[in-house]
Full PDB file with SEQRES, HELIX, SHEET, SSBOND, CRYST1, ORIGX, SCALE, CONECT and MASTER records, all heavy atoms in Angstrom:
SEQRES   1 A   29  SER GLY PRO GLN ILE ILE GLU MET MET HIS ARG ILE TYR          
SEQRES   2 A   29  PRO GLY ALA LYS ILE ARG ILE TYR GLY PHE THR HIS GLU          
SEQRES   3 A   29  GLY TRP TYR                                                  
HELIX    1 AA1 GLY A    2  ILE A   12  1                                  11    
CRYST1    1.000    1.000    1.000  90.00  90.00  90.00 P 1           1          
ORIGX1      1.000000  0.000000  0.000000        0.00000                         
ORIGX2      0.000000  1.000000  0.000000        0.00000                         
ORIGX3      0.000000  0.000000  1.000000        0.00000                         
SCALE1      1.000000  0.000000  0.000000        0.00000                         
SCALE2      0.000000  1.000000  0.000000        0.00000                         
SCALE3      0.000000  0.000000  1.000000        0.00000                         
ATOM      1  N   SER A   1       3.739 -11.994  -0.606  1.00  0.00           N  
ATOM      2  CA  SER A   1       3.971 -11.055  -1.706  1.00  0.00           C  
ATOM      3  C   SER A   1       4.646  -9.771  -1.239  1.00  0.00           C  
ATOM      4  O   SER A   1       5.460  -9.194  -1.970  1.00  0.00           O  
ATOM      5  CB  SER A   1       2.640 -10.712  -2.385  1.00  0.00           C  
ATOM      6  OG  SER A   1       2.049 -11.856  -2.960  1.00  0.00           O  
ATOM      7  N   GLY A   2       4.335  -9.319  -0.028  1.00  0.00           N  
ATOM      8  CA  GLY A   2       4.832  -8.032   0.454  1.00  0.00           C  
ATOM      9  C   GLY A   2       6.338  -7.878   0.383  1.00  0.00           C  
ATOM     10  O   GLY A   2       6.855  -6.966  -0.283  1.00  0.00           O  
ATOM     11  N   PRO A   3       7.103  -8.718   1.089  1.00  0.00           N  
ATOM     12  CA  PRO A   3       8.560  -8.541   1.049  1.00  0.00           C  
ATOM     13  C   PRO A   3       9.169  -8.776  -0.323  1.00  0.00           C  
ATOM     14  O   PRO A   3      10.175  -8.159  -0.675  1.00  0.00           O  
ATOM     15  CB  PRO A   3       9.076  -9.554   2.078  1.00  0.00           C  
ATOM     16  CG  PRO A   3       7.971 -10.518   2.293  1.00  0.00           C  
ATOM     17  CD  PRO A   3       6.711  -9.753   2.049  1.00  0.00           C  
ATOM     18  N   GLN A   4       8.560  -9.646  -1.116  1.00  0.00           N  
ATOM     19  CA  GLN A   4       9.080  -9.848  -2.466  1.00  0.00           C  
ATOM     20  C   GLN A   4       8.950  -8.575  -3.299  1.00  0.00           C  
ATOM     21  O   GLN A   4       9.861  -8.198  -4.042  1.00  0.00           O  
ATOM     22  CB  GLN A   4       8.340 -10.995  -3.155  1.00  0.00           C  
ATOM     23  CG  GLN A   4       8.577 -12.350  -2.522  1.00  0.00           C  
ATOM     24  CD  GLN A   4       7.907 -13.456  -3.312  1.00  0.00           C  
ATOM     25  OE1 GLN A   4       8.274 -13.737  -4.439  1.00  0.00           O  
ATOM     26  NE2 GLN A   4       6.915 -14.096  -2.706  1.00  0.00           N  
ATOM     27  N   ILE A   5       7.824  -7.889  -3.170  1.00  0.00           N  
ATOM     28  CA  ILE A   5       7.626  -6.654  -3.931  1.00  0.00           C  
ATOM     29  C   ILE A   5       8.507  -5.535  -3.380  1.00  0.00           C  
ATOM     30  O   ILE A   5       9.041  -4.712  -4.145  1.00  0.00           O  
ATOM     31  CB  ILE A   5       6.147  -6.252  -3.943  1.00  0.00           C  
ATOM     32  CG1 ILE A   5       5.336  -7.300  -4.727  1.00  0.00           C  
ATOM     33  CG2 ILE A   5       5.952  -4.865  -4.540  1.00  0.00           C  
ATOM     34  CD1 ILE A   5       5.780  -7.501  -6.170  1.00  0.00           C  
ATOM     35  N   ILE A   6       8.700  -5.482  -2.072  1.00  0.00           N  
ATOM     36  CA  ILE A   6       9.632  -4.502  -1.508  1.00  0.00           C  
ATOM     37  C   ILE A   6      11.024  -4.704  -2.100  1.00  0.00           C  
ATOM     38  O   ILE A   6      11.682  -3.753  -2.539  1.00  0.00           O  
ATOM     39  CB  ILE A   6       9.666  -4.612   0.028  1.00  0.00           C  
ATOM     40  CG1 ILE A   6       8.351  -4.092   0.628  1.00  0.00           C  
ATOM     41  CG2 ILE A   6      10.853  -3.833   0.598  1.00  0.00           C  
ATOM     42  CD1 ILE A   6       8.216  -4.335   2.115  1.00  0.00           C  
ATOM     43  N   GLU A   7      11.492  -5.949  -2.117  1.00  0.00           N  
ATOM     44  CA  GLU A   7      12.806  -6.245  -2.677  1.00  0.00           C  
ATOM     45  C   GLU A   7      12.867  -5.909  -4.168  1.00  0.00           C  
ATOM     46  O   GLU A   7      13.855  -5.328  -4.654  1.00  0.00           O  
ATOM     47  CB  GLU A   7      13.138  -7.722  -2.462  1.00  0.00           C  
ATOM     48  CG  GLU A   7      14.438  -8.195  -3.088  1.00  0.00           C  
ATOM     49  CD  GLU A   7      15.689  -7.651  -2.441  1.00  0.00           C  
ATOM     50  OE1 GLU A   7      15.602  -7.111  -1.312  1.00  0.00           O  
ATOM     51  OE2 GLU A   7      16.769  -7.771  -3.057  1.00  0.00           O  
ATOM     52  N   MET A   8      11.833  -6.259  -4.894  1.00  0.00           N  
ATOM     53  CA  MET A   8      11.796  -5.983  -6.330  1.00  0.00           C  
ATOM     54  C   MET A   8      11.838  -4.479  -6.606  1.00  0.00           C  
ATOM     55  O   MET A   8      12.599  -4.007  -7.464  1.00  0.00           O  
ATOM     56  CB  MET A   8      10.542  -6.603  -6.940  1.00  0.00           C  
ATOM     57  CG  MET A   8      10.418  -6.455  -8.438  1.00  0.00           C  
ATOM     58  SD  MET A   8       8.924  -7.298  -9.048  1.00  0.00           S  
ATOM     59  CE  MET A   8       9.066  -6.971 -10.808  1.00  0.00           C  
ATOM     60  N   MET A   9      11.021  -3.696  -5.899  1.00  0.00           N  
ATOM     61  CA  MET A   9      11.005  -2.257  -6.102  1.00  0.00           C  
ATOM     62  C   MET A   9      12.339  -1.625  -5.735  1.00  0.00           C  
ATOM     63  O   MET A   9      12.814  -0.694  -6.398  1.00  0.00           O  
ATOM     64  CB  MET A   9       9.873  -1.614  -5.288  1.00  0.00           C  
ATOM     65  CG  MET A   9       8.472  -1.917  -5.769  1.00  0.00           C  
ATOM     66  SD  MET A   9       8.097  -1.233  -7.412  1.00  0.00           S  
ATOM     67  CE  MET A   9       8.057  -2.727  -8.390  1.00  0.00           C  
ATOM     68  N   HIS A  10      12.970  -2.128  -4.696  1.00  0.00           N  
ATOM     69  CA  HIS A  10      14.272  -1.597  -4.288  1.00  0.00           C  
ATOM     70  C   HIS A  10      15.324  -1.852  -5.366  1.00  0.00           C  
ATOM     71  O   HIS A  10      16.197  -1.013  -5.613  1.00  0.00           O  
ATOM     72  CB  HIS A  10      14.696  -2.230  -2.962  1.00  0.00           C  
ATOM     73  CG  HIS A  10      16.068  -1.790  -2.509  1.00  0.00           C  
ATOM     74  ND1 HIS A  10      16.372  -0.475  -2.246  1.00  0.00           N  
ATOM     75  CD2 HIS A  10      17.205  -2.504  -2.278  1.00  0.00           C  
ATOM     76  CE1 HIS A  10      17.640  -0.389  -1.866  1.00  0.00           C  
ATOM     77  NE2 HIS A  10      18.158  -1.600  -1.899  1.00  0.00           N  
ATOM     78  N   ARG A  11      15.245  -3.002  -6.008  1.00  0.00           N  
ATOM     79  CA  ARG A  11      16.207  -3.292  -7.084  1.00  0.00           C  
ATOM     80  C   ARG A  11      15.968  -2.416  -8.306  1.00  0.00           C  
ATOM     81  O   ARG A  11      16.922  -1.976  -8.956  1.00  0.00           O  
ATOM     82  CB  ARG A  11      16.113  -4.770  -7.481  1.00  0.00           C  
ATOM     83  CG  ARG A  11      16.589  -5.724  -6.407  1.00  0.00           C  
ATOM     84  CD  ARG A  11      16.630  -7.147  -6.922  1.00  0.00           C  
ATOM     85  NE  ARG A  11      17.042  -8.091  -5.892  1.00  0.00           N  
ATOM     86  CZ  ARG A  11      17.401  -9.345  -6.140  1.00  0.00           C  
ATOM     87  NH1 ARG A  11      17.383  -9.803  -7.379  1.00  0.00           N  
ATOM     88  NH2 ARG A  11      17.766 -10.142  -5.157  1.00  0.00           N  
ATOM     89  N   ILE A  12      14.724  -2.160  -8.620  1.00  0.00           N  
ATOM     90  CA  ILE A  12      14.415  -1.331  -9.785  1.00  0.00           C  
ATOM     91  C   ILE A  12      14.728   0.139  -9.515  1.00  0.00           C  
ATOM     92  O   ILE A  12      15.256   0.849 -10.386  1.00  0.00           O  
ATOM     93  CB  ILE A  12      12.937  -1.494 -10.177  1.00  0.00           C  
ATOM     94  CG1 ILE A  12      12.657  -2.944 -10.603  1.00  0.00           C  
ATOM     95  CG2 ILE A  12      12.558  -0.533 -11.303  1.00  0.00           C  
ATOM     96  CD1 ILE A  12      11.189  -3.247 -10.810  1.00  0.00           C  
ATOM     97  N   TYR A  13      14.431   0.600  -8.290  1.00  0.00           N  
ATOM     98  CA  TYR A  13      14.637   1.995  -7.906  1.00  0.00           C  
ATOM     99  C   TYR A  13      15.503   2.036  -6.650  1.00  0.00           C  
ATOM    100  O   TYR A  13      15.002   2.282  -5.540  1.00  0.00           O  
ATOM    101  CB  TYR A  13      13.303   2.685  -7.645  1.00  0.00           C  
ATOM    102  CG  TYR A  13      12.322   2.590  -8.795  1.00  0.00           C  
ATOM    103  CD1 TYR A  13      11.272   1.674  -8.775  1.00  0.00           C  
ATOM    104  CD2 TYR A  13      12.453   3.419  -9.909  1.00  0.00           C  
ATOM    105  CE1 TYR A  13      10.368   1.592  -9.831  1.00  0.00           C  
ATOM    106  CE2 TYR A  13      11.559   3.344 -10.969  1.00  0.00           C  
ATOM    107  CZ  TYR A  13      10.524   2.426 -10.922  1.00  0.00           C  
ATOM    108  OH  TYR A  13       9.635   2.341 -11.964  1.00  0.00           O  
ATOM    109  N   PRO A  14      16.809   1.779  -6.775  1.00  0.00           N  
ATOM    110  CA  PRO A  14      17.652   1.620  -5.582  1.00  0.00           C  
ATOM    111  C   PRO A  14      17.752   2.854  -4.695  1.00  0.00           C  
ATOM    112  O   PRO A  14      18.057   2.747  -3.510  1.00  0.00           O  
ATOM    113  CB  PRO A  14      19.020   1.235  -6.164  1.00  0.00           C  
ATOM    114  CG  PRO A  14      18.980   1.685  -7.589  1.00  0.00           C  
ATOM    115  CD  PRO A  14      17.561   1.561  -8.021  1.00  0.00           C  
ATOM    116  N   GLY A  15      17.493   4.030  -5.247  1.00  0.00           N  
ATOM    117  CA  GLY A  15      17.573   5.235  -4.430  1.00  0.00           C  
ATOM    118  C   GLY A  15      16.244   5.677  -3.850  1.00  0.00           C  
ATOM    119  O   GLY A  15      16.181   6.694  -3.141  1.00  0.00           O  
ATOM    120  N   ALA A  16      15.192   4.928  -4.115  1.00  0.00           N  
ATOM    121  CA  ALA A  16      13.853   5.343  -3.689  1.00  0.00           C  
ATOM    122  C   ALA A  16      13.611   5.070  -2.209  1.00  0.00           C  
ATOM    123  O   ALA A  16      14.168   4.130  -1.626  1.00  0.00           O  
ATOM    124  CB  ALA A  16      12.793   4.622  -4.515  1.00  0.00           C  
ATOM    125  N   LYS A  17      12.768   5.900  -1.625  1.00  0.00           N  
ATOM    126  CA  LYS A  17      12.277   5.655  -0.270  1.00  0.00           C  
ATOM    127  C   LYS A  17      10.941   4.935  -0.392  1.00  0.00           C  
ATOM    128  O   LYS A  17      10.033   5.410  -1.074  1.00  0.00           O  
ATOM    129  CB  LYS A  17      12.098   6.971   0.490  1.00  0.00           C  
ATOM    130  CG  LYS A  17      11.875   6.785   1.979  1.00  0.00           C  
ATOM    131  CD  LYS A  17      13.143   6.266   2.652  1.00  0.00           C  
ATOM    132  CE  LYS A  17      12.970   6.174   4.174  1.00  0.00           C  
ATOM    133  NZ  LYS A  17      14.197   5.680   4.823  1.00  0.00           N  
ATOM    134  N   ILE A  18      10.831   3.802   0.263  1.00  0.00           N  
ATOM    135  CA  ILE A  18       9.609   2.998   0.190  1.00  0.00           C  
ATOM    136  C   ILE A  18       8.840   3.158   1.497  1.00  0.00           C  
ATOM    137  O   ILE A  18       9.383   2.944   2.584  1.00  0.00           O  
ATOM    138  CB  ILE A  18       9.952   1.514  -0.050  1.00  0.00           C  
ATOM    139  CG1 ILE A  18      10.646   1.354  -1.414  1.00  0.00           C  
ATOM    140  CG2 ILE A  18       8.682   0.655   0.020  1.00  0.00           C  
ATOM    141  CD1 ILE A  18      11.160  -0.047  -1.677  1.00  0.00           C  
ATOM    142  N   ARG A  19       7.587   3.537   1.381  1.00  0.00           N  
ATOM    143  CA  ARG A  19       6.736   3.698   2.556  1.00  0.00           C  
ATOM    144  C   ARG A  19       5.612   2.676   2.453  1.00  0.00           C  
ATOM    145  O   ARG A  19       4.954   2.568   1.415  1.00  0.00           O  
ATOM    146  CB  ARG A  19       6.172   5.111   2.621  1.00  0.00           C  
ATOM    147  CG  ARG A  19       5.443   5.468   3.925  1.00  0.00           C  
ATOM    148  CD  ARG A  19       5.219   6.973   3.969  1.00  0.00           C  
ATOM    149  NE  ARG A  19       4.437   7.394   5.096  1.00  0.00           N  
ATOM    150  CZ  ARG A  19       4.911   7.624   6.331  1.00  0.00           C  
ATOM    151  NH1 ARG A  19       6.192   7.459   6.574  1.00  0.00           N  
ATOM    152  NH2 ARG A  19       4.120   8.030   7.300  1.00  0.00           N  
ATOM    153  N   ILE A  20       5.418   1.897   3.520  1.00  0.00           N  
ATOM    154  CA  ILE A  20       4.419   0.831   3.472  1.00  0.00           C  
ATOM    155  C   ILE A  20       3.222   1.183   4.352  1.00  0.00           C  
ATOM    156  O   ILE A  20       3.351   1.774   5.423  1.00  0.00           O  
ATOM    157  CB  ILE A  20       5.022  -0.536   3.879  1.00  0.00           C  
ATOM    158  CG1 ILE A  20       5.565  -0.517   5.310  1.00  0.00           C  
ATOM    159  CG2 ILE A  20       6.112  -0.948   2.898  1.00  0.00           C  
ATOM    160  CD1 ILE A  20       6.031  -1.886   5.801  1.00  0.00           C  
ATOM    161  N   TYR A  21       2.057   0.789   3.858  1.00  0.00           N  
ATOM    162  CA  TYR A  21       0.776   1.047   4.521  1.00  0.00           C  
ATOM    163  C   TYR A  21       0.003  -0.270   4.595  1.00  0.00           C  
ATOM    164  O   TYR A  21       0.034  -1.077   3.668  1.00  0.00           O  
ATOM    165  CB  TYR A  21      -0.061   2.043   3.718  1.00  0.00           C  
ATOM    166  CG  TYR A  21       0.548   3.404   3.526  1.00  0.00           C  
ATOM    167  CD1 TYR A  21       1.559   3.611   2.585  1.00  0.00           C  
ATOM    168  CD2 TYR A  21       0.098   4.497   4.259  1.00  0.00           C  
ATOM    169  CE1 TYR A  21       2.104   4.870   2.401  1.00  0.00           C  
ATOM    170  CE2 TYR A  21       0.641   5.765   4.074  1.00  0.00           C  
ATOM    171  CZ  TYR A  21       1.644   5.945   3.141  1.00  0.00           C  
ATOM    172  OH  TYR A  21       2.197   7.193   2.952  1.00  0.00           O  
ATOM    173  N   GLY A  22      -0.745  -0.462   5.672  1.00  0.00           N  
ATOM    174  CA  GLY A  22      -1.631  -1.611   5.749  1.00  0.00           C  
ATOM    175  C   GLY A  22      -0.917  -2.950   5.824  1.00  0.00           C  
ATOM    176  O   GLY A  22      -1.449  -3.962   5.381  1.00  0.00           O  
ATOM    177  N   PHE A  23       0.280  -2.973   6.382  1.00  0.00           N  
ATOM    178  CA  PHE A  23       1.015  -4.219   6.584  1.00  0.00           C  
ATOM    179  C   PHE A  23       0.870  -4.645   8.043  1.00  0.00           C  
ATOM    180  O   PHE A  23       1.443  -4.027   8.942  1.00  0.00           O  
ATOM    181  CB  PHE A  23       2.505  -4.024   6.275  1.00  0.00           C  
ATOM    182  CG  PHE A  23       2.874  -4.171   4.829  1.00  0.00           C  
ATOM    183  CD1 PHE A  23       2.341  -3.322   3.863  1.00  0.00           C  
ATOM    184  CD2 PHE A  23       3.754  -5.156   4.424  1.00  0.00           C  
ATOM    185  CE1 PHE A  23       2.682  -3.446   2.530  1.00  0.00           C  
ATOM    186  CE2 PHE A  23       4.116  -5.297   3.082  1.00  0.00           C  
ATOM    187  CZ  PHE A  23       3.573  -4.440   2.135  1.00  0.00           C  
ATOM    188  N   THR A  24       0.110  -5.695   8.292  1.00  0.00           N  
ATOM    189  CA  THR A  24      -0.037  -6.199   9.665  1.00  0.00           C  
ATOM    190  C   THR A  24       0.759  -7.472   9.906  1.00  0.00           C  
ATOM    191  O   THR A  24       0.865  -7.927  11.032  1.00  0.00           O  
ATOM    192  CB  THR A  24      -1.516  -6.480   9.977  1.00  0.00           C  
ATOM    193  OG1 THR A  24      -2.022  -7.419   9.016  1.00  0.00           O  
ATOM    194  CG2 THR A  24      -2.346  -5.208   9.941  1.00  0.00           C  
ATOM    195  N   HIS A  25       1.313  -8.063   8.856  1.00  0.00           N  
ATOM    196  CA  HIS A  25       2.114  -9.281   8.969  1.00  0.00           C  
ATOM    197  C   HIS A  25       1.346 -10.383   9.694  1.00  0.00           C  
ATOM    198  O   HIS A  25       1.787 -10.951  10.688  1.00  0.00           O  
ATOM    199  CB  HIS A  25       3.443  -9.000   9.687  1.00  0.00           C  
ATOM    200  CG  HIS A  25       4.256  -7.933   9.022  1.00  0.00           C  
ATOM    201  ND1 HIS A  25       4.899  -8.119   7.817  1.00  0.00           N  
ATOM    202  CD2 HIS A  25       4.507  -6.648   9.378  1.00  0.00           C  
ATOM    203  CE1 HIS A  25       5.520  -7.002   7.468  1.00  0.00           C  
ATOM    204  NE2 HIS A  25       5.291  -6.099   8.398  1.00  0.00           N  
ATOM    205  N   GLU A  26       0.202 -10.689   9.154  1.00  0.00           N  
ATOM    206  CA  GLU A  26      -0.602 -11.790   9.673  1.00  0.00           C  
ATOM    207  C   GLU A  26      -1.470 -12.320   8.543  1.00  0.00           C  
ATOM    208  O   GLU A  26      -1.721 -11.639   7.557  1.00  0.00           O  
ATOM    209  CB  GLU A  26      -1.472 -11.332  10.844  1.00  0.00           C  
ATOM    210  CG  GLU A  26      -2.393 -10.170  10.515  1.00  0.00           C  
ATOM    211  CD  GLU A  26      -3.149  -9.655  11.724  1.00  0.00           C  
ATOM    212  OE1 GLU A  26      -3.273 -10.397  12.715  1.00  0.00           O  
ATOM    213  OE2 GLU A  26      -3.631  -8.512  11.671  1.00  0.00           O  
ATOM    214  N   GLY A  27      -1.897 -13.569   8.694  1.00  0.00           N  
ATOM    215  CA  GLY A  27      -2.710 -14.189   7.664  1.00  0.00           C  
ATOM    216  C   GLY A  27      -2.435 -15.674   7.561  1.00  0.00           C  
ATOM    217  O   GLY A  27      -2.365 -16.371   8.573  1.00  0.00           O  
ATOM    218  N   TRP A  28      -2.230 -16.149   6.345  1.00  0.00           N  
ATOM    219  CA  TRP A  28      -2.072 -17.577   6.092  1.00  0.00           C  
ATOM    220  C   TRP A  28      -0.869 -18.141   6.845  1.00  0.00           C  
ATOM    221  O   TRP A  28       0.208 -17.539   6.870  1.00  0.00           O  
ATOM    222  CB  TRP A  28      -1.922 -17.816   4.586  1.00  0.00           C  
ATOM    223  CG  TRP A  28      -1.755 -19.256   4.217  1.00  0.00           C  
ATOM    224  CD1 TRP A  28      -2.551 -20.285   4.580  1.00  0.00           C  
ATOM    225  CD2 TRP A  28      -0.720 -19.808   3.406  1.00  0.00           C  
ATOM    226  NE1 TRP A  28      -2.081 -21.468   4.047  1.00  0.00           N  
ATOM    227  CE2 TRP A  28      -0.955 -21.200   3.315  1.00  0.00           C  
ATOM    228  CE3 TRP A  28       0.377 -19.268   2.740  1.00  0.00           C  
ATOM    229  CZ2 TRP A  28      -0.127 -22.051   2.589  1.00  0.00           C  
ATOM    230  CZ3 TRP A  28       1.190 -20.110   2.013  1.00  0.00           C  
ATOM    231  CH2 TRP A  28       0.938 -21.488   1.948  1.00  0.00           C  
ATOM    232  N   TYR A  29      -1.038 -19.306   7.451  1.00  0.00           N  
ATOM    233  CA  TYR A  29       0.005 -19.877   8.312  1.00  0.00           C  
ATOM    234  C   TYR A  29       1.263 -20.292   7.555  1.00  0.00           C  
ATOM    235  O   TYR A  29       2.317 -20.518   8.165  1.00  0.00           O  
ATOM    236  CB  TYR A  29      -0.546 -21.093   9.068  1.00  0.00           C  
ATOM    237  CG  TYR A  29      -0.750 -22.326   8.208  1.00  0.00           C  
ATOM    238  CD1 TYR A  29       0.243 -23.283   8.084  1.00  0.00           C  
ATOM    239  CD2 TYR A  29      -1.938 -22.510   7.509  1.00  0.00           C  
ATOM    240  CE1 TYR A  29       0.061 -24.401   7.285  1.00  0.00           C  
ATOM    241  CE2 TYR A  29      -2.132 -23.615   6.713  1.00  0.00           C  
ATOM    242  CZ  TYR A  29      -1.126 -24.571   6.600  1.00  0.00           C  
ATOM    243  OH  TYR A  29      -1.319 -25.662   5.810  1.00  0.00           O  
TER     244      TYR A  29                                                      
MASTER        0    0    0    1    0    0    0    6  243    1    0    3          
END                                                                             
């Protein structure tokens, strides 16, 4: 879900700065 939402938010707000918290990039195989 993470990268999909990053991409979605960037498309909706193309000039926005996105800051991510709590992303460890681990979990389901």
